[in-house]
Protein backbone atom coordinates (compact mmCIF):
# COMPACT_ATOMS: atom_id res chain seq x y z
CA MET A 1 -8.83 35.62 -9.38
CA GLN A 2 -6.83 32.60 -10.67
CA SER A 3 -7.98 28.62 -10.27
CA ILE A 4 -6.57 25.82 -8.82
CA SER A 5 -4.35 23.51 -11.31
CA ARG A 6 -5.25 19.60 -11.21
CA PHE A 7 -1.86 19.04 -10.02
CA GLN A 8 -1.97 21.57 -6.69
CA ASP A 9 -5.91 20.16 -6.68
CA VAL A 10 -4.11 16.65 -5.62
CA LEU A 11 -1.51 17.92 -3.43
CA ARG A 12 -3.68 19.55 -1.34
CA ARG A 13 -4.81 16.13 -0.19
CA LEU A 14 -1.81 15.76 1.80
CA PRO A 15 -1.48 16.10 5.45
CA ARG A 16 0.53 19.37 5.98
CA GLY A 17 0.30 19.11 9.87
CA ALA A 18 1.53 15.49 9.87
CA PHE A 19 4.34 16.33 7.15
CA ASP A 20 5.51 19.53 9.23
CA LYS A 21 5.52 17.15 12.29
CA ALA A 22 8.08 14.90 10.72
CA VAL A 23 10.02 17.54 9.19
CA ALA A 24 10.34 18.87 12.94
CA GLU A 25 11.29 15.10 14.23
CA TYR A 26 14.19 14.36 12.08
CA ARG A 27 14.97 18.56 11.91
CA ALA A 28 15.22 17.99 8.11
CA ASP A 29 14.80 21.92 7.35
CA ARG A 30 17.81 22.47 9.49
CA TYR A 31 21.14 24.10 7.11
CA CYS A 32 18.03 24.57 4.60
CA LYS A 33 17.87 28.04 3.45
CA THR A 34 16.52 28.00 0.45
CA PHE A 35 15.30 24.15 -0.71
CA SER A 36 13.03 23.16 2.35
CA CYS A 37 11.11 20.10 2.57
CA TRP A 38 8.46 21.40 1.14
CA ASP A 39 9.69 22.09 -1.82
CA HIS A 40 11.51 18.92 -2.17
CA LEU A 41 8.17 16.84 -1.68
CA VAL A 42 6.55 18.96 -4.22
CA ALA A 43 9.57 18.62 -6.53
CA MET A 44 9.16 14.86 -6.20
CA VAL A 45 5.28 14.07 -6.46
CA TYR A 46 5.68 16.40 -9.47
CA ALA A 47 8.25 13.90 -10.79
CA GLN A 48 6.04 10.95 -10.23
CA LEU A 49 2.75 12.62 -11.42
CA SER A 50 4.87 13.79 -14.47
CA GLY A 51 6.64 10.59 -15.46
CA MET A 52 9.77 12.10 -15.52
CA SER A 53 13.12 10.81 -13.90
CA SER A 54 16.18 12.65 -14.63
CA LEU A 55 16.77 15.99 -12.61
CA ARG A 56 17.35 17.20 -15.82
CA GLU A 57 14.00 16.87 -16.69
CA ILE A 58 12.31 17.40 -13.60
CA THR A 59 13.88 20.35 -13.09
CA ALA A 60 13.11 21.62 -16.79
CA GLY A 61 9.29 20.61 -16.49
CA PHE A 62 8.67 22.11 -13.23
CA ASN A 63 10.82 25.30 -13.93
CA THR A 64 8.76 26.46 -17.32
CA GLN A 65 4.96 26.91 -14.81
CA SER A 66 7.11 29.24 -13.15
CA HIS A 67 3.87 31.30 -12.69
CA ARG A 68 2.36 28.66 -10.64
CA HIS A 69 5.44 28.13 -8.72
CA TYR A 70 3.28 30.74 -5.35
CA HIS A 71 0.07 29.26 -5.28
CA LEU A 72 2.24 25.53 -4.85
CA GLY A 73 4.48 27.58 -1.96
CA THR A 74 7.39 26.97 -3.81
CA GLY A 75 9.87 28.32 -6.11
CA ALA A 76 12.09 27.25 -8.89
CA LEU A 77 13.71 24.27 -8.89
CA LYS A 78 18.20 23.85 -9.04
CA ARG A 79 19.38 19.96 -10.45
CA SER A 80 22.04 20.32 -8.12
CA THR A 81 20.25 21.34 -5.36
CA LEU A 82 17.72 18.96 -5.57
CA ALA A 83 20.12 16.30 -6.29
CA ASP A 84 21.78 17.31 -2.84
CA ALA A 85 18.90 17.23 -1.38
CA ASN A 86 17.73 13.55 -2.21
CA THR A 87 21.12 12.64 -0.94
CA ARG A 88 21.12 14.00 2.39
CA ARG A 89 17.89 15.04 3.47
CA ASP A 90 16.23 12.10 6.36
CA TRP A 91 14.24 9.94 4.00
CA ARG A 92 12.02 8.79 7.04
CA VAL A 93 10.22 12.54 6.80
CA PHE A 94 8.29 11.21 3.56
CA GLY A 95 8.25 7.95 4.97
CA ASP A 96 6.10 8.97 8.01
CA THR A 97 4.02 11.59 5.23
CA ALA A 98 3.01 8.67 3.66
CA ASN A 99 2.09 6.68 7.06
CA ALA A 100 0.16 9.75 7.81
CA LEU A 101 -1.90 9.36 4.03
CA LEU A 102 -2.37 5.40 5.41
CA ALA A 103 -4.18 6.82 8.31
CA SER A 104 -6.18 9.15 6.40
CA VAL A 105 -7.53 6.53 3.84
CA GLY A 106 -7.86 4.43 6.69
CA ARG A 107 -10.25 6.24 8.33
CA ARG A 108 -12.30 6.71 5.04
CA VAL A 109 -12.53 2.91 4.61
CA ARG A 110 -13.70 2.63 8.07
CA GLN A 111 -16.76 4.83 7.18
CA GLU A 112 -17.29 3.91 3.73
CA CYS A 113 -16.62 0.21 4.25
CA ARG A 114 -17.53 -2.70 6.08
CA ASP A 115 -16.11 -6.60 5.95
CA LEU A 116 -12.09 -5.52 6.27
CA LEU A 117 -10.43 -7.63 3.57
CA PHE A 118 -6.68 -7.21 3.47
CA LEU A 119 -4.56 -8.79 1.34
CA VAL A 120 -0.67 -9.32 2.18
CA ASP A 121 2.21 -9.73 0.41
CA SER A 122 5.98 -7.88 -0.65
CA THR A 123 7.70 -7.64 -3.97
CA THR A 124 11.26 -6.45 -5.00
CA ILE A 125 12.58 -3.46 -6.48
CA THR A 126 15.95 -4.33 -8.06
CA LEU A 127 19.00 -2.40 -8.06
CA LYS A 128 21.99 -3.70 -9.33
CA GLY A 129 24.88 -1.64 -10.92
CA ARG A 130 27.25 1.21 -10.31
CA GLY A 131 26.31 3.37 -7.01
CA TYR A 132 23.83 0.30 -6.45
CA ASP A 133 25.80 -2.39 -5.55
CA GLU A 134 28.01 -0.09 -2.97
CA TRP A 135 24.97 -0.85 0.01
CA ALA A 136 22.91 -2.97 -1.65
CA ALA A 137 25.23 -6.11 -2.56
CA GLY A 138 25.58 -6.88 1.18
CA THR A 139 22.01 -7.64 0.95
CA ARG A 140 21.65 -10.11 -1.81
CA VAL A 141 19.46 -12.76 -1.88
CA ARG A 142 20.59 -15.31 -5.06
CA SER A 143 20.14 -13.12 -8.24
CA THR A 144 18.59 -10.20 -6.79
CA GLN A 145 19.65 -6.93 -4.25
CA GLY A 146 17.56 -4.29 -3.68
CA LEU A 147 14.51 -3.47 -1.40
CA LYS A 148 12.08 -5.08 -1.01
CA MET A 149 8.59 -3.48 -0.58
CA HIS A 150 5.96 -5.23 2.45
CA ILE A 151 1.96 -4.01 1.55
CA GLN A 152 -0.98 -5.34 3.59
CA TYR A 153 -3.11 -3.72 0.98
CA ASP A 154 -7.28 -3.09 1.22
CA SER A 155 -9.27 -4.93 -1.25
CA ALA A 156 -11.93 -2.93 -1.12
CA LEU A 157 -10.51 0.70 -1.42
CA GLN A 158 -7.69 -0.77 -3.90
CA SER A 159 -5.14 1.18 -1.64
CA PRO A 160 -2.14 -0.11 0.78
CA ALA A 161 -3.70 0.51 4.38
CA TRP A 162 0.07 -0.57 6.15
CA PHE A 163 3.56 -0.74 4.71
CA SER A 164 7.16 -1.57 5.88
CA MET A 165 10.38 -1.40 3.39
CA THR A 166 13.16 -3.77 3.82
CA ALA A 167 16.48 -5.18 2.05
CA THR A 168 15.81 -8.03 0.25
CA ASN A 169 17.19 -10.47 2.49
CA VAL A 170 14.43 -9.37 5.23
CA ASN A 171 11.90 -12.41 5.16
CA ASP A 172 8.51 -12.10 4.37
CA LEU A 173 7.02 -12.85 7.58
CA THR A 174 9.75 -10.90 9.69
CA ALA A 175 8.28 -7.61 8.44
CA ALA A 176 4.67 -8.91 8.78
CA LEU A 177 5.28 -9.57 12.93
CA GLY A 178 5.03 -5.90 13.04
CA MET A 179 1.97 -5.41 11.21
CA PRO A 180 -1.02 -4.30 12.99
CA VAL A 181 -4.27 -7.02 12.86
CA LEU A 182 -7.92 -6.00 13.75
CA SER A 183 -10.42 -7.68 14.96
CA GLY A 184 -12.91 -8.88 12.82
CA ALA A 185 -11.18 -7.94 9.45
CA THR A 186 -9.64 -11.41 7.10
CA TYR A 187 -6.11 -11.62 6.42
CA VAL A 188 -4.98 -13.64 3.25
CA PHE A 189 -1.37 -14.34 1.98
CA ASP A 190 0.61 -17.26 0.54
CA LYS A 191 2.98 -19.92 1.68
CA ALA A 192 5.57 -17.01 2.39
CA TYR A 193 3.88 -16.49 5.52
CA TYR A 194 4.35 -20.31 6.85
CA ASP A 195 4.13 -19.87 10.67
CA PHE A 196 2.08 -21.37 12.62
CA ASN A 197 2.13 -19.10 15.74
CA TRP A 198 1.69 -16.49 13.86
CA TRP A 199 -1.30 -17.94 12.22
CA ARG A 200 -2.75 -18.11 16.42
CA ASP A 201 -2.05 -14.64 17.19
CA ILE A 202 -3.95 -13.50 14.13
CA ASP A 203 -7.14 -16.06 15.60
CA ALA A 204 -6.29 -14.75 19.17
CA THR A 205 -6.72 -11.25 18.08
CA GLY A 206 -10.06 -12.41 16.47
CA ALA A 207 -9.18 -12.09 12.83
CA ARG A 208 -10.00 -14.54 10.16
CA PHE A 209 -6.65 -15.44 7.74
CA VAL A 210 -7.00 -17.72 4.81
CA SER A 211 -3.78 -19.29 3.15
CA ARG A 212 -2.10 -22.63 2.20
CA PHE A 213 -0.83 -25.54 3.43
CA LYS A 214 2.74 -26.75 2.63
CA THR A 215 2.69 -30.73 1.04
CA THR A 216 5.06 -31.42 4.19
CA VAL A 217 2.64 -30.46 6.84
CA ARG A 218 1.30 -33.76 9.75
CA LEU A 219 -2.76 -33.60 9.81
CA GLN A 220 -5.40 -35.21 12.12
CA VAL A 221 -8.68 -34.80 10.65
CA LEU A 222 -11.18 -34.52 12.92
CA GLU A 223 -14.05 -33.86 10.22
CA ASP A 224 -14.80 -34.71 6.69
CA ARG A 225 -17.63 -32.22 5.43
CA PRO A 226 -20.00 -33.16 3.21
CA ILE A 227 -19.60 -31.35 -1.06
CA ASP A 228 -22.42 -30.25 -1.98
CA PRO A 229 -22.60 -31.92 -5.41
CA ASN A 230 -23.14 -28.81 -7.74
CA LEU A 231 -19.31 -27.68 -6.15
CA ALA A 232 -17.81 -31.54 -6.91
CA SER A 233 -15.72 -30.09 -9.84
CA THR A 234 -14.31 -27.02 -7.53
CA ILE A 235 -14.29 -28.32 -3.95
CA LEU A 236 -12.39 -31.63 -3.45
CA LYS A 237 -11.82 -31.33 0.01
CA ASP A 238 -13.47 -29.77 3.49
CA HIS A 239 -12.33 -30.77 6.33
CA LEU A 240 -11.96 -29.78 10.22
CA VAL A 241 -8.14 -30.58 10.80
CA ARG A 242 -5.63 -29.98 14.13
CA PHE A 243 -2.09 -30.33 13.87
CA ALA A 244 -0.83 -33.86 14.46
CA ASN A 245 2.72 -32.64 15.60
CA PRO A 246 3.19 -29.81 18.42
CA SER A 247 7.02 -30.33 18.13
CA PRO A 248 7.95 -29.45 14.06
CA GLY A 249 11.54 -29.81 15.05
CA GLY A 250 14.57 -27.56 15.63
CA ARG A 251 13.15 -26.36 19.00
CA ARG A 252 10.60 -25.12 17.90
CA ARG A 253 6.90 -25.06 19.36
CA ASN A 254 4.06 -25.37 17.83
CA HIS A 255 1.06 -23.11 19.78
CA TYR A 256 -1.66 -23.35 17.71
CA VAL A 257 -4.08 -26.12 18.97
CA GLN A 258 -7.79 -25.02 17.52
CA PRO A 259 -9.32 -26.64 14.75
CA LEU A 260 -8.19 -25.80 11.50
CA ARG A 261 -10.48 -25.94 8.05
CA LEU A 262 -8.62 -27.60 5.00
CA VAL A 263 -10.39 -26.82 1.82
CA GLU A 264 -8.68 -28.44 -1.38
CA VAL A 265 -9.72 -26.41 -4.66
CA ASN A 266 -9.42 -28.07 -8.15
CA ARG A 267 -7.49 -26.03 -10.83
CA PRO A 268 -7.49 -27.85 -14.02
CA GLY A 269 -4.15 -28.86 -15.48
CA GLN A 270 -2.27 -28.12 -12.28
CA THR A 271 -1.72 -28.81 -8.86
CA PRO A 272 -4.77 -28.40 -6.31
CA LEU A 273 -4.56 -25.50 -3.92
CA VAL A 274 -4.58 -26.92 -0.25
CA LEU A 275 -6.32 -23.68 1.71
CA ALA A 276 -6.26 -23.25 5.50
CA SER A 277 -8.62 -20.99 7.18
CA ASN A 278 -9.08 -20.20 10.80
CA ASP A 279 -12.86 -19.72 9.50
CA VAL A 280 -14.34 -23.14 10.63
CA SER A 281 -17.85 -21.71 9.33
CA SER A 282 -18.31 -20.32 6.05
CA PRO A 283 -18.92 -21.63 3.20
CA PRO A 284 -15.64 -24.02 1.66
CA GLU A 285 -16.53 -21.65 -2.03
CA GLN A 286 -16.28 -18.66 -0.17
CA ILE A 287 -12.70 -19.31 1.29
CA ALA A 288 -11.93 -19.92 -2.10
CA ALA A 289 -13.11 -16.89 -3.15
CA LEU A 290 -11.07 -15.42 -0.22
CA TYR A 291 -8.06 -16.79 -1.63
CA LYS A 292 -8.05 -15.80 -5.33
CA GLU A 293 -8.80 -11.93 -4.14
CA ARG A 294 -5.15 -11.94 -3.45
CA TRP A 295 -4.17 -11.44 -7.02
CA GLY A 296 -5.18 -7.79 -6.44
CA VAL A 297 -2.48 -7.05 -4.19
CA GLU A 298 -0.24 -8.38 -7.21
CA LEU A 299 -2.01 -6.46 -9.41
CA PHE A 300 -1.47 -3.18 -6.99
CA PHE A 301 2.34 -3.99 -7.57
CA LYS A 302 2.49 -4.48 -11.25
CA TRP A 303 0.10 -0.58 -11.02
CA ILE A 304 2.55 0.75 -9.45
CA LYS A 305 5.57 -0.19 -11.19
CA GLN A 306 4.28 0.04 -14.25
CA ASN A 307 2.67 3.77 -13.73
CA LEU A 308 5.14 5.37 -11.13
CA ASN A 309 8.91 5.29 -10.80
CA ILE A 310 10.22 2.94 -9.25
CA LYS A 311 12.41 1.06 -11.49
CA ALA A 312 14.15 4.33 -13.10
CA PHE A 313 15.40 6.39 -10.05
CA CYS A 314 17.31 10.08 -10.31
CA ALA A 315 20.22 9.13 -7.91
CA GLN A 316 21.82 6.20 -6.54
CA SER A 317 22.31 6.20 -3.33
CA GLN A 318 20.48 4.38 -0.51
CA ASN A 319 18.57 7.40 0.92
CA ALA A 320 17.81 9.30 -2.72
CA VAL A 321 16.07 5.52 -3.50
CA LYS A 322 13.81 5.47 -0.78
CA ILE A 323 12.86 9.02 -0.94
CA GLN A 324 11.92 8.77 -4.33
CA VAL A 325 10.00 4.93 -3.13
CA MET A 326 8.47 6.71 -0.78
CA THR A 327 7.17 9.99 -3.10
CA ALA A 328 6.00 7.00 -5.25
CA LEU A 329 3.54 5.83 -2.66
CA ILE A 330 2.38 9.18 -1.45
CA THR A 331 1.68 9.74 -5.19
CA TYR A 332 -0.07 7.00 -5.19
CA LEU A 333 -2.48 7.15 -2.34
CA LEU A 334 -3.11 11.14 -3.18
CA LEU A 335 -4.57 9.76 -6.44
CA VAL A 336 -6.94 7.37 -4.19
CA ILE A 337 -7.91 10.27 -2.08
CA TYR A 338 -8.20 12.71 -5.27
CA ARG A 339 -10.10 10.39 -7.13
CA SER A 340 -13.06 9.31 -4.00
CA THR A 341 -13.69 13.47 -4.52
CA GLN A 342 -14.40 13.31 -7.52
CA ALA A 343 -18.20 13.56 -9.11
CA ALA A 344 -17.96 10.03 -11.30
CA THR A 345 -16.25 7.19 -10.82
CA ILE A 346 -13.13 6.63 -12.62
CA ALA A 347 -9.95 4.23 -13.11
CA LEU A 348 -7.02 5.44 -11.46
CA LYS A 349 -5.09 5.17 -14.80
CA GLU A 350 -7.56 7.66 -15.94
CA LEU A 351 -7.02 9.55 -13.31
CA LEU A 352 -3.52 9.89 -13.39
CA THR A 353 -3.01 10.35 -17.39
CA THR A 354 -5.62 12.84 -16.83
CA VAL A 355 -3.36 14.71 -14.75
CA ARG A 356 0.22 13.70 -16.13
CA ALA A 357 -0.92 15.30 -19.62
CA ALA A 358 -1.37 18.52 -18.06
CA PRO A 359 -0.76 18.89 -14.66
CA PHE A 360 -0.82 22.94 -14.33
CA GLU A 361 -4.12 23.40 -16.03
CA ALA A 362 -7.02 24.35 -14.25
CA ALA A 363 -8.43 21.81 -12.96
CA ASP A 364 -12.40 20.92 -14.30
CA HIS A 365 -14.64 23.12 -12.80
CA ALA A 366 -17.51 21.02 -13.54
CA GLN A 367 -15.87 18.46 -10.70
CA GLU A 368 -14.85 21.78 -8.52
CA THR A 369 -18.60 22.68 -8.47
CA ALA A 370 -19.95 19.47 -7.43
CA ARG A 371 -17.13 19.25 -4.82
CA LYS A 372 -18.58 22.34 -3.16
CA ARG A 373 -21.83 21.11 -3.85
CA ARG A 374 -20.97 17.52 -1.66
CA ARG A 375 -19.68 19.72 0.81
CA ARG A 376 -22.41 22.09 1.58
CA GLN A 377 -24.44 18.95 1.72
CA GLU A 378 -22.48 17.65 4.34
CA ILE A 379 -22.59 20.58 6.39
CA ARG A 380 -26.44 21.06 6.33
CA GLU A 381 -26.73 17.10 6.81
CA LEU A 382 -24.33 17.84 10.18
CA LYS A 383 -26.27 20.68 11.57
CA ALA A 384 -29.34 18.48 11.55
CA GLN A 385 -27.93 16.13 13.33
CA GLN A 386 -26.75 18.59 15.79
CA GLU A 387 -30.15 20.41 16.48
CA ALA A 388 -31.83 16.98 16.74
CA LEU A 389 -29.26 16.15 19.64
CA PHE A 390 -29.67 20.18 21.00
CA PRO A 391 -32.85 20.90 20.42
């Protein structure tokens, strides 16, 4: 019996039912006789895991392992067929699959984690030159054009919890308005999401937020709270405030009338940070620490751009670029889920390097044995619970 390969072990974490549902919804396999959506997905995830960006590299590398194709449920690749699929096949199949993976990761978060801390930010994928200008130049912003990824990042799991992909001229706040907000969670974001009415909506949901005030804001100080002498070099101010101007101009109305927290944090050699939060009870150093966590989403953007292919594209059409970005996100999420099944804690970069070095080699036998052992233990615990409920 042939053992499972590392690539197959990673790929089997994908929710096949949700993928097939997306294929049916968008009728993505119509007119396809030999190269199905599943073949397409396997090829693009392989490209991400192997670090290959050109169609010639992808097809050559994949086809050298023909003895593994049957177990992956696919076959040999043709460069022209893959190019046509990237151009014509609806990218939303891959987007919906990424969303299904996010839901799977989210369930694990709620099982394993407690306090939910989400970091909200966006990053631009710059696309310039022949092939890109035809569709990206119309949404150019200053010197940048291309696509923008908006992410809600779970700090505990180190994985996205929600995403949206737009043109570069779409405001960060506009995308964030469609973001789900969970009661009891904490959301951290910078001044790109400076909208008091959106802050009010977060507060009304029962969630906390930590952001920054702009220097032009008019505030009324309700309470000047004492600062612990041990924190005096770090925390400069701790105020309870309220917006002084309910009508900031331009026929806009500020509906946030509840008290807010203002915490001013010292940064030696730089302008102090003036933080805003609807958390009026936590210690000021805790609010400052929460805002510092925002760096985690920046590290995620840096990691995915350095380790997966969302900078060098195998085609220049809008549809092909979106498919490649979505498969990069799918690959990242598959790696996160795969890592959670490993017997020992391993850095995501190290895990990717191991898979990338030999994707078609047999998966580690010790890891597979540990996984089966954990599964047997889960079954025993479930049976014990059932017997306690139904003696």
